[in-house]
Amino acid sequence: MFKSELKNTLNNFPQTLSVNIDGEFQFIIQIVSKIFEGLDEADRQEMVYNFLRNTFKNDNNIYEKIEFIFTDAPSELKNN
């Protein structure tokens, strides 16, 4: 899986406002979605990993390619 493919996939996650991915072999991801409002971190993580698992059904190494996923609601971001 390539970084661009992962980013394009996560841009299709429900109510996503932005996706940032760092890394070359193991990715650190930040995804901002309105759907995360009011949810705890564990529920957000589960939603994203389920989404990825359903999308990349034939990629058994999906979890080895992701180091961490930051899940933020828009209200949690600082205004610049």
PDB file of N, CA and C in Angstrom:
ATOM      1  N   MET A   1       0.860  -1.169   0.000  1.00  0.00           N
ATOM      2  CA  MET A   1       0.000   0.000   0.000  1.00  0.00           C
ATOM      3  C   MET A   1       0.896   1.219   0.000  1.00  0.00           C
ATOM      4  N   PHE A   2       0.577   2.156  -0.782  1.00  0.00           N
ATOM      5  CA  PHE A   2       1.344   3.378  -0.865  1.00  0.00           C
ATOM      6  C   PHE A   2       0.680   4.465  -0.035  1.00  0.00           C
ATOM      7  N   LYS A   3       1.504   5.414   0.346  1.00  0.00           N
ATOM      8  CA  LYS A   3       1.029   6.527   1.170  1.00  0.00           C
ATOM      9  C   LYS A   3      -0.147   7.246   0.506  1.00  0.00           C
ATOM     10  N   SER A   4      -0.056   7.496  -0.786  1.00  0.00           N
ATOM     11  CA  SER A   4      -1.133   8.210  -1.489  1.00  0.00           C
ATOM     12  C   SER A   4      -2.427   7.394  -1.507  1.00  0.00           C
ATOM     13  N   GLU A   5      -2.312   6.091  -1.641  1.00  0.00           N
ATOM     14  CA  GLU A   5      -3.497   5.223  -1.626  1.00  0.00           C
ATOM     15  C   GLU A   5      -4.173   5.263  -0.259  1.00  0.00           C
ATOM     16  N   LEU A   6      -3.360   5.239   0.794  1.00  0.00           N
ATOM     17  CA  LEU A   6      -3.884   5.316   2.148  1.00  0.00           C
ATOM     18  C   LEU A   6      -4.573   6.655   2.380  1.00  0.00           C
ATOM     19  N   LYS A   7      -3.941   7.725   1.933  1.00  0.00           N
ATOM     20  CA  LYS A   7      -4.532   9.053   2.108  1.00  0.00           C
ATOM     21  C   LYS A   7      -5.850   9.173   1.352  1.00  0.00           C
ATOM     22  N   ASN A   8      -5.869   8.712   0.110  1.00  0.00           N
ATOM     23  CA  ASN A   8      -7.109   8.757  -0.670  1.00  0.00           C
ATOM     24  C   ASN A   8      -8.216   7.948  -0.003  1.00  0.00           C
ATOM     25  N   THR A   9      -7.864   6.815   0.553  1.00  0.00           N
ATOM     26  CA  THR A   9      -8.846   5.983   1.247  1.00  0.00           C
ATOM     27  C   THR A   9      -9.396   6.692   2.470  1.00  0.00           C
ATOM     28  N   LEU A  10      -8.509   7.257   3.288  1.00  0.00           N
ATOM     29  CA  LEU A  10      -8.959   7.930   4.516  1.00  0.00           C
ATOM     30  C   LEU A  10      -9.738   9.206   4.226  1.00  0.00           C
ATOM     31  N   ASN A  11      -9.510   9.815   3.086  1.00  0.00           N
ATOM     32  CA  ASN A  11     -10.322  10.979   2.715  1.00  0.00           C
ATOM     33  C   ASN A  11     -11.781  10.590   2.482  1.00  0.00           C
ATOM     34  N   ASN A  12     -12.042   9.297   2.313  1.00  0.00           N
ATOM     35  CA  ASN A  12     -13.408   8.797   2.155  1.00  0.00           C
ATOM     36  C   ASN A  12     -14.042   8.352   3.470  1.00  0.00           C
ATOM     37  N   PHE A  13     -13.288   8.459   4.567  1.00  0.00           N
ATOM     38  CA  PHE A  13     -13.856   8.170   5.889  1.00  0.00           C
ATOM     39  C   PHE A  13     -14.962   9.194   6.150  1.00  0.00           C
ATOM     40  N   PRO A  14     -16.067   8.796   6.793  1.00  0.00           N
ATOM     41  CA  PRO A  14     -17.214   9.695   6.978  1.00  0.00           C
ATOM     42  C   PRO A  14     -16.844  11.032   7.621  1.00  0.00           C
ATOM     43  N   GLN A  15     -17.337  12.087   7.010  1.00  0.00           N
ATOM     44  CA  GLN A  15     -17.236  13.456   7.510  1.00  0.00           C
ATOM     45  C   GLN A  15     -15.793  13.920   7.741  1.00  0.00           C
ATOM     46  N   THR A  16     -14.870  13.415   6.938  1.00  0.00           N
ATOM     47  CA  THR A  16     -13.464  13.781   7.081  1.00  0.00           C
ATOM     48  C   THR A  16     -13.223  15.186   6.548  1.00  0.00           C
ATOM     49  N   LEU A  17     -12.482  15.962   7.349  1.00  0.00           N
ATOM     50  CA  LEU A  17     -12.104  17.313   6.951  1.00  0.00           C
ATOM     51  C   LEU A  17     -10.656  17.371   6.469  1.00  0.00           C
ATOM     52  N   SER A  18      -9.786  16.552   7.070  1.00  0.00           N
ATOM     53  CA  SER A  18      -8.397  16.532   6.621  1.00  0.00           C
ATOM     54  C   SER A  18      -7.714  15.237   7.028  1.00  0.00           C
ATOM     55  N   VAL A  19      -6.685  14.879   6.255  1.00  0.00           N
ATOM     56  CA  VAL A  19      -5.853  13.706   6.532  1.00  0.00           C
ATOM     57  C   VAL A  19      -4.407  14.108   6.279  1.00  0.00           C
ATOM     58  N   ASN A  20      -3.547  13.854   7.257  1.00  0.00           N
ATOM     59  CA  ASN A  20      -2.108  14.059   7.103  1.00  0.00           C
ATOM     60  C   ASN A  20      -1.407  12.749   7.421  1.00  0.00           C
ATOM     61  N   ILE A  21      -0.413  12.407   6.611  1.00  0.00           N
ATOM     62  CA  ILE A  21       0.329  11.166   6.810  1.00  0.00           C
ATOM     63  C   ILE A  21       1.820  11.468   6.754  1.00  0.00           C
ATOM     64  N   ASP A  22       2.534  11.038   7.773  1.00  0.00           N
ATOM     65  CA  ASP A  22       3.989  11.163   7.821  1.00  0.00           C
ATOM     66  C   ASP A  22       4.598   9.771   7.850  1.00  0.00           C
ATOM     67  N   GLY A  23       5.808   9.665   7.336  1.00  0.00           N
ATOM     68  CA  GLY A  23       6.530   8.403   7.360  1.00  0.00           C
ATOM     69  C   GLY A  23       6.656   7.812   5.975  1.00  0.00           C
ATOM     70  N   GLU A  24       7.562   6.860   5.864  1.00  0.00           N
ATOM     71  CA  GLU A  24       7.801   6.196   4.587  1.00  0.00           C
ATOM     72  C   GLU A  24       7.415   4.716   4.626  1.00  0.00           C
ATOM     73  N   PHE A  25       7.737   4.034   5.717  1.00  0.00           N
ATOM     74  CA  PHE A  25       7.467   2.597   5.815  1.00  0.00           C
ATOM     75  C   PHE A  25       6.428   2.282   6.879  1.00  0.00           C
ATOM     76  N   GLN A  26       6.443   3.046   7.966  1.00  0.00           N
ATOM     77  CA  GLN A  26       5.397   2.976   8.984  1.00  0.00           C
ATOM     78  C   GLN A  26       4.822   4.369   9.100  1.00  0.00           C
ATOM     79  N   PHE A  27       3.516   4.448   8.973  1.00  0.00           N
ATOM     80  CA  PHE A  27       2.876   5.748   8.851  1.00  0.00           C
ATOM     81  C   PHE A  27       2.293   6.232  10.179  1.00  0.00           C
ATOM     82  N   ILE A  28       2.439   7.521  10.403  1.00  0.00           N
ATOM     83  CA  ILE A  28       1.752   8.214  11.487  1.00  0.00           C
ATOM     84  C   ILE A  28       0.701   9.080  10.808  1.00  0.00           C
ATOM     85  N   ILE A  29      -0.536   8.867  11.201  1.00  0.00           N
ATOM     86  CA  ILE A  29      -1.674   9.481  10.521  1.00  0.00           C
ATOM     87  C   ILE A  29      -2.398  10.414  11.480  1.00  0.00           C
ATOM     88  N   GLN A  30      -2.824  11.555  10.955  1.00  0.00           N
ATOM     89  CA  GLN A  30      -3.757  12.412  11.684  1.00  0.00           C
ATOM     90  C   GLN A  30      -4.986  12.558  10.795  1.00  0.00           C
ATOM     91  N   ILE A  31      -6.127  12.228  11.352  1.00  0.00           N
ATOM     92  CA  ILE A  31      -7.386  12.369  10.628  1.00  0.00           C
ATOM     93  C   ILE A  31      -8.321  13.235  11.468  1.00  0.00           C
ATOM     94  N   VAL A  32      -8.905  14.238  10.819  1.00  0.00           N
ATOM     95  CA  VAL A  32      -9.855  15.129  11.473  1.00  0.00           C
ATOM     96  C   VAL A  32     -11.225  14.868  10.862  1.00  0.00           C
ATOM     97  N   SER A  33     -12.186  14.523  11.706  1.00  0.00           N
ATOM     98  CA  SER A  33     -13.521  14.201  11.219  1.00  0.00           C
ATOM     99  C   SER A  33     -14.577  14.711  12.203  1.00  0.00           C
ATOM    100  N   LYS A  34     -15.652  15.213  11.649  1.00  0.00           N
ATOM    101  CA  LYS A  34     -16.771  15.664  12.477  1.00  0.00           C
ATOM    102  C   LYS A  34     -17.411  14.501  13.233  1.00  0.00           C
ATOM    103  N   ILE A  35     -17.280  13.311  12.706  1.00  0.00           N
ATOM    104  CA  ILE A  35     -17.902  12.144  13.331  1.00  0.00           C
ATOM    105  C   ILE A  35     -17.269  11.816  14.689  1.00  0.00           C
ATOM    106  N   PHE A  36     -16.064  12.340  14.950  1.00  0.00           N
ATOM    107  CA  PHE A  36     -15.378  12.081  16.215  1.00  0.00           C
ATOM    108  C   PHE A  36     -15.889  12.930  17.376  1.00  0.00           C
ATOM    109  N   GLU A  37     -16.684  13.938  17.099  1.00  0.00           N
ATOM    110  CA  GLU A  37     -17.199  14.803  18.164  1.00  0.00           C
ATOM    111  C   GLU A  37     -17.930  13.977  19.217  1.00  0.00           C
ATOM    112  N   GLY A  38     -17.521  14.120  20.466  1.00  0.00           N
ATOM    113  CA  GLY A  38     -18.190  13.452  21.574  1.00  0.00           C
ATOM    114  C   GLY A  38     -17.781  12.006  21.809  1.00  0.00           C
ATOM    115  N   LEU A  39     -16.885  11.476  20.983  1.00  0.00           N
ATOM    116  CA  LEU A  39     -16.440  10.094  21.150  1.00  0.00           C
ATOM    117  C   LEU A  39     -15.092  10.058  21.859  1.00  0.00           C
ATOM    118  N   ASP A  40     -14.854   8.986  22.608  1.00  0.00           N
ATOM    119  CA  ASP A  40     -13.539   8.865  23.242  1.00  0.00           C
ATOM    120  C   ASP A  40     -12.546   8.284  22.233  1.00  0.00           C
ATOM    121  N   GLU A  41     -11.269   8.377  22.589  1.00  0.00           N
ATOM    122  CA  GLU A  41     -10.189   7.977  21.677  1.00  0.00           C
ATOM    123  C   GLU A  41     -10.291   6.515  21.254  1.00  0.00           C
ATOM    124  N   ALA A  42     -10.638   5.645  22.167  1.00  0.00           N
ATOM    125  CA  ALA A  42     -10.736   4.214  21.836  1.00  0.00           C
ATOM    126  C   ALA A  42     -11.802   3.963  20.776  1.00  0.00           C
ATOM    127  N   ASP A  43     -12.951   4.612  20.890  1.00  0.00           N
ATOM    128  CA  ASP A  43     -14.022   4.441  19.905  1.00  0.00           C
ATOM    129  C   ASP A  43     -13.611   4.996  18.543  1.00  0.00           C
ATOM    130  N   ARG A  44     -12.907   6.117  18.551  1.00  0.00           N
ATOM    131  CA  ARG A  44     -12.442   6.710  17.292  1.00  0.00           C
ATOM    132  C   ARG A  44     -11.448   5.783  16.592  1.00  0.00           C
ATOM    133  N   GLN A  45     -10.488   5.276  17.375  1.00  0.00           N
ATOM    134  CA  GLN A  45      -9.488   4.377  16.819  1.00  0.00           C
ATOM    135  C   GLN A  45     -10.150   3.137  16.209  1.00  0.00           C
ATOM    136  N   GLU A  46     -11.094   2.591  16.933  1.00  0.00           N
ATOM    137  CA  GLU A  46     -11.798   1.405  16.446  1.00  0.00           C
ATOM    138  C   GLU A  46     -12.518   1.693  15.132  1.00  0.00           C
ATOM    139  N   MET A  47     -13.149   2.849  15.031  1.00  0.00           N
ATOM    140  CA  MET A  47     -13.849   3.220  13.803  1.00  0.00           C
ATOM    141  C   MET A  47     -12.895   3.286  12.610  1.00  0.00           C
ATOM    142  N   VAL A  48     -11.754   3.928  12.815  1.00  0.00           N
ATOM    143  CA  VAL A  48     -10.796   4.086  11.712  1.00  0.00           C
ATOM    144  C   VAL A  48     -10.194   2.739  11.325  1.00  0.00           C
ATOM    145  N   TYR A  49      -9.782   1.953  12.311  1.00  0.00           N
ATOM    146  CA  TYR A  49      -9.208   0.638  11.988  1.00  0.00           C
ATOM    147  C   TYR A  49     -10.225  -0.282  11.321  1.00  0.00           C
ATOM    148  N   ASN A  50     -11.477  -0.239  11.737  1.00  0.00           N
ATOM    149  CA  ASN A  50     -12.516  -1.039  11.071  1.00  0.00           C
ATOM    150  C   ASN A  50     -12.704  -0.584   9.626  1.00  0.00           C
ATOM    151  N   PHE A  51     -12.686   0.721   9.434  1.00  0.00           N
ATOM    152  CA  PHE A  51     -12.804   1.272   8.082  1.00  0.00           C
ATOM    153  C   PHE A  51     -11.657   0.772   7.201  1.00  0.00           C
ATOM    154  N   LEU A  52     -10.430   0.841   7.720  1.00  0.00           N
ATOM    155  CA  LEU A  52      -9.275   0.380   6.959  1.00  0.00           C
ATOM    156  C   LEU A  52      -9.319  -1.123   6.716  1.00  0.00           C
ATOM    157  N   ARG A  53      -9.702  -1.884   7.733  1.00  0.00           N
ATOM    158  CA  ARG A  53      -9.790  -3.342   7.586  1.00  0.00           C
ATOM    159  C   ARG A  53     -10.808  -3.708   6.506  1.00  0.00           C
ATOM    160  N   ASN A  54     -11.944  -3.014   6.475  1.00  0.00           N
ATOM    161  CA  ASN A  54     -12.961  -3.300   5.466  1.00  0.00           C
ATOM    162  C   ASN A  54     -12.527  -2.867   4.073  1.00  0.00           C
ATOM    163  N   THR A  55     -11.735  -1.816   4.003  1.00  0.00           N
ATOM    164  CA  THR A  55     -11.272  -1.314   2.712  1.00  0.00           C
ATOM    165  C   THR A  55     -10.144  -2.165   2.142  1.00  0.00           C
ATOM    166  N   PHE A  56      -9.204  -2.551   3.001  1.00  0.00           N
ATOM    167  CA  PHE A  56      -8.027  -3.310   2.564  1.00  0.00           C
ATOM    168  C   PHE A  56      -8.129  -4.757   3.025  1.00  0.00           C
ATOM    169  N   LYS A  57      -9.201  -5.431   2.628  1.00  0.00           N
ATOM    170  CA  LYS A  57      -9.467  -6.799   3.073  1.00  0.00           C
ATOM    171  C   LYS A  57      -8.361  -7.779   2.689  1.00  0.00           C
ATOM    172  N   ASN A  58      -7.699  -7.530   1.583  1.00  0.00           N
ATOM    173  CA  ASN A  58      -6.683  -8.456   1.097  1.00  0.00           C
ATOM    174  C   ASN A  58      -5.276  -8.101   1.569  1.00  0.00           C
ATOM    175  N   ASP A  59      -5.138  -7.053   2.364  1.00  0.00           N
ATOM    176  CA  ASP A  59      -3.825  -6.627   2.851  1.00  0.00           C
ATOM    177  C   ASP A  59      -3.683  -7.041   4.306  1.00  0.00           C
ATOM    178  N   ASN A  60      -3.051  -8.166   4.536  1.00  0.00           N
ATOM    179  CA  ASN A  60      -2.904  -8.694   5.894  1.00  0.00           C
ATOM    180  C   ASN A  60      -1.893  -7.920   6.724  1.00  0.00           C
ATOM    181  N   ASN A  61      -1.120  -7.057   6.087  1.00  0.00           N
ATOM    182  CA  ASN A  61      -0.082  -6.315   6.786  1.00  0.00           C
ATOM    183  C   ASN A  61      -0.477  -4.878   7.098  1.00  0.00           C
ATOM    184  N   ILE A  62      -1.736  -4.556   6.990  1.00  0.00           N
ATOM    185  CA  ILE A  62      -2.180  -3.170   7.181  1.00  0.00           C
ATOM    186  C   ILE A  62      -1.755  -2.621   8.539  1.00  0.00           C
ATOM    187  N   TYR A  63      -1.828  -3.420   9.578  1.00  0.00           N
ATOM    188  CA  TYR A  63      -1.504  -2.935  10.926  1.00  0.00           C
ATOM    189  C   TYR A  63      -0.007  -2.735  11.124  1.00  0.00           C
ATOM    190  N   GLU A  64       0.803  -3.479  10.397  1.00  0.00           N
ATOM    191  CA  GLU A  64       2.250  -3.302  10.474  1.00  0.00           C
ATOM    192  C   GLU A  64       2.706  -2.030   9.784  1.00  0.00           C
ATOM    193  N   LYS A  65       1.896  -1.504   8.893  1.00  0.00           N
ATOM    194  CA  LYS A  65       2.255  -0.319   8.122  1.00  0.00           C
ATOM    195  C   LYS A  65       1.862   0.976   8.825  1.00  0.00           C
ATOM    196  N   ILE A  66       1.071   0.871   9.879  1.00  0.00           N
ATOM    197  CA  ILE A  66       0.601   2.056  10.599  1.00  0.00           C
ATOM    198  C   ILE A  66       1.188   2.042  11.998  1.00  0.00           C
ATOM    199  N   GLU A  67       1.940   3.087  12.288  1.00  0.00           N
ATOM    200  CA  GLU A  67       2.516   3.208  13.624  1.00  0.00           C
ATOM    201  C   GLU A  67       1.496   3.765  14.619  1.00  0.00           C
ATOM    202  N   PHE A  68       0.769   4.815  14.203  1.00  0.00           N
ATOM    203  CA  PHE A  68      -0.230   5.406  15.092  1.00  0.00           C
ATOM    204  C   PHE A  68      -1.189   6.245  14.264  1.00  0.00           C
ATOM    205  N   ILE A  69      -2.425   6.349  14.760  1.00  0.00           N
ATOM    206  CA  ILE A  69      -3.420   7.209  14.135  1.00  0.00           C
ATOM    207  C   ILE A  69      -3.930   8.191  15.185  1.00  0.00           C
ATOM    208  N   PHE A  70      -3.726   9.472  14.920  1.00  0.00           N
ATOM    209  CA  PHE A  70      -4.307  10.517  15.757  1.00  0.00           C
ATOM    210  C   PHE A  70      -5.688  10.823  15.194  1.00  0.00           C
ATOM    211  N   THR A  71      -6.687  10.799  16.042  1.00  0.00           N
ATOM    212  CA  THR A  71      -8.060  11.076  15.614  1.00  0.00           C
ATOM    213  C   THR A  71      -8.539  12.312  16.349  1.00  0.00           C
ATOM    214  N   ASP A  72      -8.836  13.355  15.588  1.00  0.00           N
ATOM    215  CA  ASP A  72      -9.248  14.628  16.178  1.00  0.00           C
ATOM    216  C   ASP A  72     -10.603  15.063  15.664  1.00  0.00           C
ATOM    217  N   ALA A  73     -11.385  15.644  16.555  1.00  0.00           N
ATOM    218  CA  ALA A  73     -12.616  16.325  16.165  1.00  0.00           C
ATOM    219  C   ALA A  73     -12.248  17.779  15.852  1.00  0.00           C
ATOM    220  N   PRO A  74     -12.986  18.427  14.970  1.00  0.00           N
ATOM    221  CA  PRO A  74     -12.663  19.807  14.614  1.00  0.00           C
ATOM    222  C   PRO A  74     -12.605  20.744  15.825  1.00  0.00           C
ATOM    223  N   SER A  75     -13.456  20.521  16.798  1.00  0.00           N
ATOM    224  CA  SER A  75     -13.504  21.396  17.978  1.00  0.00           C
ATOM    225  C   SER A  75     -12.252  21.273  18.850  1.00  0.00           C
ATOM    226  N   GLU A  76     -11.464  20.232  18.637  1.00  0.00           N
ATOM    227  CA  GLU A  76     -10.262  20.008  19.440  1.00  0.00           C
ATOM    228  C   GLU A  76      -9.023  20.685  18.870  1.00  0.00           C
ATOM    229  N   LEU A  77      -9.133  21.167  17.661  1.00  0.00           N
ATOM    230  CA  LEU A  77      -7.975  21.798  17.022  1.00  0.00           C
ATOM    231  C   LEU A  77      -7.897  23.272  17.393  1.00  0.00           C
ATOM    232  N   LYS A  78      -6.694  23.749  17.559  1.00  0.00           N
ATOM    233  CA  LYS A  78      -6.484  25.163  17.863  1.00  0.00           C
ATOM    234  C   LYS A  78      -6.702  25.963  16.584  1.00  0.00           C
ATOM    235  N   ASN A  79      -7.353  27.103  16.731  1.00  0.00           N
ATOM    236  CA  ASN A  79      -7.520  28.008  15.586  1.00  0.00           C
ATOM    237  C   ASN A  79      -6.233  28.778  15.377  1.00  0.00           C
ATOM    238  N   ASN A  80      -5.769  28.804  14.143  1.00  0.00           N
ATOM    239  CA  ASN A  80      -4.536  29.544  13.825  1.00  0.00           C
ATOM    240  C   ASN A  80      -4.866  30.842  13.137  1.00  0.00           C
TER     241      ASN A  80
END
